[in-house]
Amino acid sequence: MVQAVIKIDDRLNRVLNIVKAKYGFKDKSQAIEYVIEKYESAFLEPELRPEYVEKLEKIRKGKYTRYKSVEELRKETS
């Protein structure tokens, strides 16, 4: 685990205290971890599980049929 000394203003400190109290965290580091995890899931690209990547590769290598119109597709599926 990494330890860091951070400087934040009073407003952000109050926000961390609110998050800490709302979710019942023991200390502010847990509140910071929670906020960072929420940011990660909301704004950063998620990593794909290896089995999902394999599934995507199989799909990409599959056979495809190209249709010129929706009507052409409907005729084949009917």
PDB file of N, CA and C in Angstrom:
ATOM      1  N   MET A   1       0.842  -1.176   0.000  1.00  0.00           N
ATOM      2  CA  MET A   1       0.000   0.000   0.000  1.00  0.00           C
ATOM      3  C   MET A   1       0.890   1.242   0.000  1.00  0.00           C
ATOM      4  N   VAL A   2       0.486   2.226  -0.758  1.00  0.00           N
ATOM      5  CA  VAL A   2       1.224   3.469  -0.883  1.00  0.00           C
ATOM      6  C   VAL A   2       0.645   4.493   0.075  1.00  0.00           C
ATOM      7  N   GLN A   3       1.531   5.235   0.709  1.00  0.00           N
ATOM      8  CA  GLN A   3       1.074   6.324   1.575  1.00  0.00           C
ATOM      9  C   GLN A   3       1.416   7.640   0.899  1.00  0.00           C
ATOM     10  N   ALA A   4       0.513   8.605   1.018  1.00  0.00           N
ATOM     11  CA  ALA A   4       0.730   9.902   0.388  1.00  0.00           C
ATOM     12  C   ALA A   4       0.248  11.011   1.313  1.00  0.00           C
ATOM     13  N   VAL A   5       0.965  12.102   1.294  1.00  0.00           N
ATOM     14  CA  VAL A   5       0.533  13.293   2.005  1.00  0.00           C
ATOM     15  C   VAL A   5      -0.074  14.212   0.959  1.00  0.00           C
ATOM     16  N   ILE A   6      -1.335  14.609   1.173  1.00  0.00           N
ATOM     17  CA  ILE A   6      -2.003  15.459   0.194  1.00  0.00           C
ATOM     18  C   ILE A   6      -2.437  16.753   0.849  1.00  0.00           C
ATOM     19  N   LYS A   7      -2.495  17.794   0.049  1.00  0.00           N
ATOM     20  CA  LYS A   7      -2.978  19.090   0.513  1.00  0.00           C
ATOM     21  C   LYS A   7      -4.287  19.370  -0.197  1.00  0.00           C
ATOM     22  N   ILE A   8      -5.347  19.570   0.576  1.00  0.00           N
ATOM     23  CA  ILE A   8      -6.646  19.900   0.005  1.00  0.00           C
ATOM     24  C   ILE A   8      -7.217  21.091   0.755  1.00  0.00           C
ATOM     25  N   ASP A   9      -8.093  21.830   0.090  1.00  0.00           N
ATOM     26  CA  ASP A   9      -8.677  22.995   0.757  1.00  0.00           C
ATOM     27  C   ASP A   9      -9.793  22.566   1.705  1.00  0.00           C
ATOM     28  N   ASP A  10     -10.308  23.518   2.442  1.00  0.00           N
ATOM     29  CA  ASP A  10     -11.323  23.224   3.460  1.00  0.00           C
ATOM     30  C   ASP A  10     -12.605  22.638   2.867  1.00  0.00           C
ATOM     31  N   ARG A  11     -13.007  23.129   1.713  1.00  0.00           N
ATOM     32  CA  ARG A  11     -14.225  22.627   1.086  1.00  0.00           C
ATOM     33  C   ARG A  11     -14.101  21.152   0.733  1.00  0.00           C
ATOM     34  N   LEU A  12     -12.975  20.778   0.130  1.00  0.00           N
ATOM     35  CA  LEU A  12     -12.766  19.374  -0.216  1.00  0.00           C
ATOM     36  C   LEU A  12     -12.646  18.509   1.031  1.00  0.00           C
ATOM     37  N   ASN A  13     -12.073  19.051   2.071  1.00  0.00           N
ATOM     38  CA  ASN A  13     -11.979  18.329   3.340  1.00  0.00           C
ATOM     39  C   ASN A  13     -13.375  18.051   3.897  1.00  0.00           C
ATOM     40  N   ARG A  14     -14.270  19.038   3.786  1.00  0.00           N
ATOM     41  CA  ARG A  14     -15.649  18.836   4.243  1.00  0.00           C
ATOM     42  C   ARG A  14     -16.356  17.770   3.405  1.00  0.00           C
ATOM     43  N   VAL A  15     -16.105  17.796   2.099  1.00  0.00           N
ATOM     44  CA  VAL A  15     -16.708  16.788   1.220  1.00  0.00           C
ATOM     45  C   VAL A  15     -16.223  15.396   1.626  1.00  0.00           C
ATOM     46  N   LEU A  16     -14.929  15.258   1.880  1.00  0.00           N
ATOM     47  CA  LEU A  16     -14.408  13.960   2.308  1.00  0.00           C
ATOM     48  C   LEU A  16     -15.033  13.526   3.624  1.00  0.00           C
ATOM     49  N   ASN A  17     -15.226  14.460   4.546  1.00  0.00           N
ATOM     50  CA  ASN A  17     -15.873  14.127   5.816  1.00  0.00           C
ATOM     51  C   ASN A  17     -17.314  13.672   5.604  1.00  0.00           C
ATOM     52  N   ILE A  18     -18.002  14.288   4.655  1.00  0.00           N
ATOM     53  CA  ILE A  18     -19.381  13.891   4.354  1.00  0.00           C
ATOM     54  C   ILE A  18     -19.411  12.483   3.765  1.00  0.00           C
ATOM     55  N   VAL A  19     -18.516  12.204   2.821  1.00  0.00           N
ATOM     56  CA  VAL A  19     -18.446  10.872   2.217  1.00  0.00           C
ATOM     57  C   VAL A  19     -18.098   9.842   3.289  1.00  0.00           C
ATOM     58  N   LYS A  20     -17.155  10.184   4.138  1.00  0.00           N
ATOM     59  CA  LYS A  20     -16.743   9.286   5.225  1.00  0.00           C
ATOM     60  C   LYS A  20     -17.918   8.965   6.142  1.00  0.00           C
ATOM     61  N   ALA A  21     -18.679   9.972   6.511  1.00  0.00           N
ATOM     62  CA  ALA A  21     -19.812   9.764   7.417  1.00  0.00           C
ATOM     63  C   ALA A  21     -20.959   9.029   6.722  1.00  0.00           C
ATOM     64  N   LYS A  22     -21.234   9.404   5.482  1.00  0.00           N
ATOM     65  CA  LYS A  22     -22.358   8.809   4.758  1.00  0.00           C
ATOM     66  C   LYS A  22     -22.191   7.308   4.568  1.00  0.00           C
ATOM     67  N   TYR A  23     -20.986   6.874   4.272  1.00  0.00           N
ATOM     68  CA  TYR A  23     -20.747   5.464   3.991  1.00  0.00           C
ATOM     69  C   TYR A  23     -20.125   4.709   5.164  1.00  0.00           C
ATOM     70  N   GLY A  24     -19.949   5.376   6.282  1.00  0.00           N
ATOM     71  CA  GLY A  24     -19.460   4.717   7.493  1.00  0.00           C
ATOM     72  C   GLY A  24     -18.008   4.277   7.428  1.00  0.00           C
ATOM     73  N   PHE A  25     -17.186   5.027   6.718  1.00  0.00           N
ATOM     74  CA  PHE A  25     -15.769   4.685   6.637  1.00  0.00           C
ATOM     75  C   PHE A  25     -15.066   5.050   7.941  1.00  0.00           C
ATOM     76  N   LYS A  26     -13.993   4.316   8.234  1.00  0.00           N
ATOM     77  CA  LYS A  26     -13.257   4.559   9.476  1.00  0.00           C
ATOM     78  C   LYS A  26     -12.348   5.778   9.385  1.00  0.00           C
ATOM     79  N   ASP A  27     -11.827   6.030   8.198  1.00  0.00           N
ATOM     80  CA  ASP A  27     -10.937   7.180   8.037  1.00  0.00           C
ATOM     81  C   ASP A  27     -11.091   7.796   6.648  1.00  0.00           C
ATOM     82  N   LYS A  28     -10.406   8.896   6.443  1.00  0.00           N
ATOM     83  CA  LYS A  28     -10.533   9.620   5.179  1.00  0.00           C
ATOM     84  C   LYS A  28      -9.893   8.872   4.023  1.00  0.00           C
ATOM     85  N   SER A  29      -8.913   8.027   4.307  1.00  0.00           N
ATOM     86  CA  SER A  29      -8.292   7.286   3.204  1.00  0.00           C
ATOM     87  C   SER A  29      -9.303   6.358   2.537  1.00  0.00           C
ATOM     88  N   GLN A  30     -10.203   5.782   3.315  1.00  0.00           N
ATOM     89  CA  GLN A  30     -11.250   4.950   2.728  1.00  0.00           C
ATOM     90  C   GLN A  30     -12.197   5.797   1.887  1.00  0.00           C
ATOM     91  N   ALA A  31     -12.482   7.008   2.346  1.00  0.00           N
ATOM     92  CA  ALA A  31     -13.338   7.913   1.577  1.00  0.00           C
ATOM     93  C   ALA A  31     -12.664   8.309   0.264  1.00  0.00           C
ATOM     94  N   ILE A  32     -11.380   8.562   0.312  1.00  0.00           N
ATOM     95  CA  ILE A  32     -10.637   8.908  -0.904  1.00  0.00           C
ATOM     96  C   ILE A  32     -10.644   7.737  -1.873  1.00  0.00           C
ATOM     97  N   GLU A  33     -10.399   6.525  -1.369  1.00  0.00           N
ATOM     98  CA  GLU A  33     -10.423   5.338  -2.234  1.00  0.00           C
ATOM     99  C   GLU A  33     -11.790   5.178  -2.889  1.00  0.00           C
ATOM    100  N   TYR A  34     -12.849   5.396  -2.125  1.00  0.00           N
ATOM    101  CA  TYR A  34     -14.203   5.263  -2.656  1.00  0.00           C
ATOM    102  C   TYR A  34     -14.447   6.265  -3.784  1.00  0.00           C
ATOM    103  N   VAL A  35     -14.072   7.505  -3.561  1.00  0.00           N
ATOM    104  CA  VAL A  35     -14.276   8.554  -4.576  1.00  0.00           C
ATOM    105  C   VAL A  35     -13.474   8.233  -5.834  1.00  0.00           C
ATOM    106  N   ILE A  36     -12.252   7.760  -5.664  1.00  0.00           N
ATOM    107  CA  ILE A  36     -11.413   7.431  -6.818  1.00  0.00           C
ATOM    108  C   ILE A  36     -11.995   6.247  -7.579  1.00  0.00           C
ATOM    109  N   GLU A  37     -12.487   5.228  -6.880  1.00  0.00           N
ATOM    110  CA  GLU A  37     -13.094   4.086  -7.554  1.00  0.00           C
ATOM    111  C   GLU A  37     -14.331   4.501  -8.339  1.00  0.00           C
ATOM    112  N   LYS A  38     -15.137   5.405  -7.762  1.00  0.00           N
ATOM    113  CA  LYS A  38     -16.321   5.897  -8.482  1.00  0.00           C
ATOM    114  C   LYS A  38     -15.907   6.661  -9.732  1.00  0.00           C
ATOM    115  N   TYR A  39     -14.857   7.463  -9.627  1.00  0.00           N
ATOM    116  CA  TYR A  39     -14.364   8.208 -10.781  1.00  0.00           C
ATOM    117  C   TYR A  39     -13.885   7.251 -11.860  1.00  0.00           C
ATOM    118  N   GLU A  40     -13.144   6.233 -11.441  1.00  0.00           N
ATOM    119  CA  GLU A  40     -12.613   5.266 -12.394  1.00  0.00           C
ATOM    120  C   GLU A  40     -13.729   4.569 -13.161  1.00  0.00           C
ATOM    121  N   SER A  41     -14.745   4.112 -12.456  1.00  0.00           N
ATOM    122  CA  SER A  41     -15.821   3.389 -13.130  1.00  0.00           C
ATOM    123  C   SER A  41     -16.672   4.295 -14.011  1.00  0.00           C
ATOM    124  N   ALA A  42     -16.720   5.578 -13.678  1.00  0.00           N
ATOM    125  CA  ALA A  42     -17.562   6.497 -14.448  1.00  0.00           C
ATOM    126  C   ALA A  42     -16.849   7.106 -15.650  1.00  0.00           C
ATOM    127  N   PHE A  43     -15.540   7.356 -15.534  1.00  0.00           N
ATOM    128  CA  PHE A  43     -14.883   8.150 -16.561  1.00  0.00           C
ATOM    129  C   PHE A  43     -13.734   7.469 -17.277  1.00  0.00           C
ATOM    130  N   LEU A  44     -13.152   6.448 -16.706  1.00  0.00           N
ATOM    131  CA  LEU A  44     -12.021   5.794 -17.347  1.00  0.00           C
ATOM    132  C   LEU A  44     -12.493   4.536 -18.063  1.00  0.00           C
ATOM    133  N   GLU A  45     -11.741   4.111 -19.048  1.00  0.00           N
ATOM    134  CA  GLU A  45     -12.092   2.924 -19.800  1.00  0.00           C
ATOM    135  C   GLU A  45     -11.880   1.694 -18.919  1.00  0.00           C
ATOM    136  N   PRO A  46     -12.882   0.855 -18.810  1.00  0.00           N
ATOM    137  CA  PRO A  46     -12.708  -0.359 -18.009  1.00  0.00           C
ATOM    138  C   PRO A  46     -11.830  -1.368 -18.736  1.00  0.00           C
ATOM    139  N   GLU A  47     -11.107  -2.157 -17.971  1.00  0.00           N
ATOM    140  CA  GLU A  47     -10.315  -3.216 -18.573  1.00  0.00           C
ATOM    141  C   GLU A  47     -11.243  -4.369 -18.931  1.00  0.00           C
ATOM    142  N   LEU A  48     -10.964  -4.984 -20.057  1.00  0.00           N
ATOM    143  CA  LEU A  48     -11.776  -6.109 -20.489  1.00  0.00           C
ATOM    144  C   LEU A  48     -11.191  -7.395 -19.918  1.00  0.00           C
ATOM    145  N   ARG A  49     -12.075  -8.268 -19.475  1.00  0.00           N
ATOM    146  CA  ARG A  49     -11.632  -9.566 -18.966  1.00  0.00           C
ATOM    147  C   ARG A  49     -11.052 -10.367 -20.127  1.00  0.00           C
ATOM    148  N   PRO A  50     -10.018 -11.170 -19.881  1.00  0.00           N
ATOM    149  CA  PRO A  50      -9.387 -11.937 -20.963  1.00  0.00           C
ATOM    150  C   PRO A  50     -10.368 -12.842 -21.707  1.00  0.00           C
ATOM    151  N   GLU A  51     -11.317 -13.462 -20.991  1.00  0.00           N
ATOM    152  CA  GLU A  51     -12.262 -14.340 -21.681  1.00  0.00           C
ATOM    153  C   GLU A  51     -13.177 -13.544 -22.609  1.00  0.00           C
ATOM    154  N   TYR A  52     -13.468 -12.302 -22.267  1.00  0.00           N
ATOM    155  CA  TYR A  52     -14.292 -11.471 -23.138  1.00  0.00           C
ATOM    156  C   TYR A  52     -13.505 -11.065 -24.381  1.00  0.00           C
ATOM    157  N   VAL A  53     -12.221 -10.774 -24.211  1.00  0.00           N
ATOM    158  CA  VAL A  53     -11.381 -10.427 -25.359  1.00  0.00           C
ATOM    159  C   VAL A  53     -11.323 -11.606 -26.329  1.00  0.00           C
ATOM    160  N   GLU A  54     -11.188 -12.829 -25.801  1.00  0.00           N
ATOM    161  CA  GLU A  54     -11.175 -14.017 -26.653  1.00  0.00           C
ATOM    162  C   GLU A  54     -12.492 -14.155 -27.415  1.00  0.00           C
ATOM    163  N   LYS A  55     -13.589 -13.904 -26.728  1.00  0.00           N
ATOM    164  CA  LYS A  55     -14.901 -13.993 -27.362  1.00  0.00           C
ATOM    165  C   LYS A  55     -15.029 -12.965 -28.491  1.00  0.00           C
ATOM    166  N   LEU A  56     -14.529 -11.760 -28.257  1.00  0.00           N
ATOM    167  CA  LEU A  56     -14.561 -10.735 -29.304  1.00  0.00           C
ATOM    168  C   LEU A  56     -13.742 -11.145 -30.522  1.00  0.00           C
ATOM    169  N   GLU A  57     -12.587 -11.745 -30.283  1.00  0.00           N
ATOM    170  CA  GLU A  57     -11.748 -12.195 -31.394  1.00  0.00           C
ATOM    171  C   GLU A  57     -12.456 -13.262 -32.217  1.00  0.00           C
ATOM    172  N   LYS A  58     -13.149 -14.180 -31.559  1.00  0.00           N
ATOM    173  CA  LYS A  58     -13.900 -15.213 -32.280  1.00  0.00           C
ATOM    174  C   LYS A  58     -15.003 -14.589 -33.126  1.00  0.00           C
ATOM    175  N   ILE A  59     -15.667 -13.578 -32.567  1.00  0.00           N
ATOM    176  CA  ILE A  59     -16.724 -12.890 -33.309  1.00  0.00           C
ATOM    177  C   ILE A  59     -16.145 -12.187 -34.526  1.00  0.00           C
ATOM    178  N   ARG A  60     -15.006 -11.544 -34.369  1.00  0.00           N
ATOM    179  CA  ARG A  60     -14.382 -10.824 -35.482  1.00  0.00           C
ATOM    180  C   ARG A  60     -13.957 -11.760 -36.608  1.00  0.00           C
ATOM    181  N   LYS A  61     -13.566 -12.976 -36.260  1.00  0.00           N
ATOM    182  CA  LYS A  61     -13.113 -13.938 -37.265  1.00  0.00           C
ATOM    183  C   LYS A  61     -14.271 -14.679 -37.925  1.00  0.00           C
ATOM    184  N   GLY A  62     -15.483 -14.474 -37.429  1.00  0.00           N
ATOM    185  CA  GLY A  62     -16.651 -15.200 -37.932  1.00  0.00           C
ATOM    186  C   GLY A  62     -17.039 -14.801 -39.344  1.00  0.00           C
ATOM    187  N   LYS A  63     -18.001 -15.548 -39.892  1.00  0.00           N
ATOM    188  CA  LYS A  63     -18.497 -15.273 -41.236  1.00  0.00           C
ATOM    189  C   LYS A  63     -19.662 -14.294 -41.148  1.00  0.00           C
ATOM    190  N   TYR A  64     -19.674 -13.336 -42.043  1.00  0.00           N
ATOM    191  CA  TYR A  64     -20.703 -12.313 -42.053  1.00  0.00           C
ATOM    192  C   TYR A  64     -21.367 -12.273 -43.418  1.00  0.00           C
ATOM    193  N   THR A  65     -22.613 -11.908 -43.421  1.00  0.00           N
ATOM    194  CA  THR A  65     -23.355 -11.713 -44.662  1.00  0.00           C
ATOM    195  C   THR A  65     -23.727 -10.239 -44.751  1.00  0.00           C
ATOM    196  N   ARG A  66     -23.450  -9.673 -45.898  1.00  0.00           N
ATOM    197  CA  ARG A  66     -23.730  -8.259 -46.092  1.00  0.00           C
ATOM    198  C   ARG A  66     -25.068  -8.112 -46.818  1.00  0.00           C
ATOM    199  N   TYR A  67     -25.908  -7.243 -46.302  1.00  0.00           N
ATOM    200  CA  TYR A  67     -27.215  -6.995 -46.894  1.00  0.00           C
ATOM    201  C   TYR A  67     -27.283  -5.570 -47.410  1.00  0.00           C
ATOM    202  N   LYS A  68     -27.965  -5.397 -48.518  1.00  0.00           N
ATOM    203  CA  LYS A  68     -28.102  -4.070 -49.107  1.00  0.00           C
ATOM    204  C   LYS A  68     -29.271  -3.303 -48.511  1.00  0.00           C
ATOM    205  N   SER A  69     -30.240  -4.043 -47.946  1.00  0.00           N
ATOM    206  CA  SER A  69     -31.395  -3.379 -47.366  1.00  0.00           C
ATOM    207  C   SER A  69     -31.990  -4.262 -46.271  1.00  0.00           C
ATOM    208  N   VAL A  70     -32.853  -3.684 -45.483  1.00  0.00           N
ATOM    209  CA  VAL A  70     -33.540  -4.413 -44.424  1.00  0.00           C
ATOM    210  C   VAL A  70     -34.493  -5.427 -45.037  1.00  0.00           C
ATOM    211  N   GLU A  71     -35.087  -5.064 -46.162  1.00  0.00           N
ATOM    212  CA  GLU A  71     -36.016  -5.969 -46.835  1.00  0.00           C
ATOM    213  C   GLU A  71     -35.302  -7.253 -47.264  1.00  0.00           C
ATOM    214  N   GLU A  72     -34.089  -7.118 -47.751  1.00  0.00           N
ATOM    215  CA  GLU A  72     -33.300  -8.280 -48.153  1.00  0.00           C
ATOM    216  C   GLU A  72     -33.035  -9.197 -46.952  1.00  0.00           C
ATOM    217  N   LEU A  73     -32.730  -8.631 -45.831  1.00  0.00           N
ATOM    218  CA  LEU A  73     -32.537  -9.399 -44.595  1.00  0.00           C
ATOM    219  C   LEU A  73     -33.814 -10.098 -44.174  1.00  0.00           C
ATOM    220  N   ARG A  74     -34.922  -9.382 -44.243  1.00  0.00           N
ATOM    221  CA  ARG A  74     -36.217  -9.956 -43.837  1.00  0.00           C
ATOM    222  C   ARG A  74     -36.606 -11.125 -44.742  1.00  0.00           C
ATOM    223  N   LYS A  75     -36.299 -11.027 -46.026  1.00  0.00           N
ATOM    224  CA  LYS A  75     -36.631 -12.123 -46.949  1.00  0.00           C
ATOM    225  C   LYS A  75     -35.855 -13.389 -46.559  1.00  0.00           C
ATOM    226  N   GLU A  76     -34.602 -13.223 -46.185  1.00  0.00           N
ATOM    227  CA  GLU A  76     -33.776 -14.382 -45.848  1.00  0.00           C
ATOM    228  C   GLU A  76     -34.201 -14.998 -44.507  1.00  0.00           C
ATOM    229  N   THR A  77     -34.600 -14.190 -43.551  1.00  0.00           N
ATOM    230  CA  THR A  77     -34.965 -14.714 -42.232  1.00  0.00           C
ATOM    231  C   THR A  77     -36.383 -15.252 -42.202  1.00  0.00           C
ATOM    232  N   SER A  78     -37.195 -14.911 -43.179  1.00  0.00           N
ATOM    233  CA  SER A  78     -38.604 -15.373 -43.188  1.00  0.00           C
ATOM    234  C   SER A  78     -38.743 -16.779 -43.713  1.00  0.00           C
TER     235      SER A  78
END
